[in-house]
């Protein structure tokens, strides 16, 4: 199972810093996370960047394997 790491507001909305999921691609991962954590989390997730093994995954068709680490990063502000 792939490891999903949540950061900042995404971790707060998920109620956890990590999870494990079996998903074939980023689109499946988004759906599974929405089912698991609810509509409020799905809204936050829609604004997040996803990194697969440190590489941005902008396309829902990006494949996933059980060895992948996915980081869920909400938008950051600052200056």
Protein backbone atom coordinates (compact mmCIF):
# COMPACT_ATOMS: atom_id res chain seq x y z
CA UNK A 1 0.00 0.00 0.00
CA UNK A 2 1.19 3.49 -0.83
CA UNK A 3 1.95 5.86 2.03
CA UNK A 4 0.13 9.20 1.98
CA UNK A 5 1.58 12.05 4.05
CA UNK A 6 -0.61 15.04 4.85
CA UNK A 7 0.86 18.44 5.65
CA UNK A 8 -0.47 21.60 7.34
CA UNK A 9 -4.22 22.15 6.75
CA UNK A 10 -4.55 18.85 4.88
CA UNK A 11 -3.33 16.96 7.97
CA UNK A 12 -5.72 18.91 10.15
CA UNK A 13 -8.67 18.18 7.85
CA UNK A 14 -7.76 14.49 7.58
CA UNK A 15 -7.25 14.19 11.32
CA UNK A 16 -3.95 12.39 10.74
CA UNK A 17 -0.48 12.99 9.35
CA UNK A 18 -0.28 9.70 7.42
CA UNK A 19 -2.42 7.04 5.81
CA UNK A 20 -1.95 3.99 3.64
CA UNK A 21 -4.06 3.36 0.57
CA UNK A 22 -4.15 1.01 -2.37
CA UNK A 23 -4.87 3.15 -5.43
CA UNK A 24 -4.02 2.55 -9.09
CA UNK A 25 -3.59 6.23 -9.98
CA UNK A 26 -3.84 9.76 -8.57
CA UNK A 27 -7.51 10.02 -9.58
CA UNK A 28 -8.33 6.86 -7.61
CA UNK A 29 -6.35 8.20 -4.67
CA UNK A 30 -8.36 11.44 -4.68
CA UNK A 31 -11.63 9.46 -4.72
CA UNK A 32 -10.57 7.12 -1.92
CA UNK A 33 -9.37 9.99 0.25
CA UNK A 34 -12.65 11.85 -0.31
CA UNK A 35 -14.64 8.77 0.70
CA UNK A 36 -12.50 8.25 3.78
CA UNK A 37 -12.33 11.85 5.02
CA UNK A 38 -15.51 13.48 3.67
CA UNK A 39 -16.61 16.42 1.56
CA UNK A 40 -14.74 19.05 3.59
CA UNK A 41 -11.49 17.22 3.04
CA UNK A 42 -12.24 16.79 -0.67
CA UNK A 43 -12.58 20.56 -1.00
CA UNK A 44 -9.17 21.06 0.61
CA UNK A 45 -7.68 18.26 -1.48
CA UNK A 46 -8.87 19.95 -4.68
CA UNK A 47 -6.57 22.87 -3.82
CA UNK A 48 -3.57 20.77 -2.83
CA UNK A 49 -0.49 19.81 -4.79
CA UNK A 50 0.32 16.11 -4.82
CA UNK A 51 3.88 14.84 -5.01
CA UNK A 52 4.65 11.22 -5.85
CA UNK A 53 8.09 10.33 -4.58
CA UNK A 54 8.96 14.04 -4.60
CA UNK A 55 7.70 14.74 -8.14
CA UNK A 56 4.58 16.83 -8.72
CA UNK A 57 1.66 14.77 -10.06
CA UNK A 58 -0.73 17.19 -11.75
CA UNK A 59 -2.50 14.56 -13.87
CA UNK A 60 -5.08 12.19 -12.35
CA UNK A 61 -3.77 9.43 -14.65
CA UNK A 62 -0.34 9.30 -12.93
CA UNK A 63 0.04 5.63 -11.91
CA UNK A 64 0.76 4.62 -8.32
CA UNK A 65 2.40 1.55 -6.85
CA UNK A 66 2.48 0.09 -3.37
CA UNK A 67 6.02 1.47 -2.91
CA UNK A 68 5.11 5.11 -3.58
CA UNK A 69 4.99 7.95 -1.08
CA UNK A 70 2.43 10.65 -1.86
CA UNK A 71 2.68 14.05 -0.18
CA UNK A 72 -0.48 16.18 0.07
CA UNK A 73 0.59 19.83 0.24
CA UNK A 74 -1.96 22.60 0.66
CA UNK A 75 -1.18 26.02 -0.82
CA UNK A 76 1.25 27.97 1.31
CA UNK A 77 1.25 31.71 1.84
CA UNK A 78 3.93 33.86 3.28
CA UNK A 79 6.52 36.36 2.49
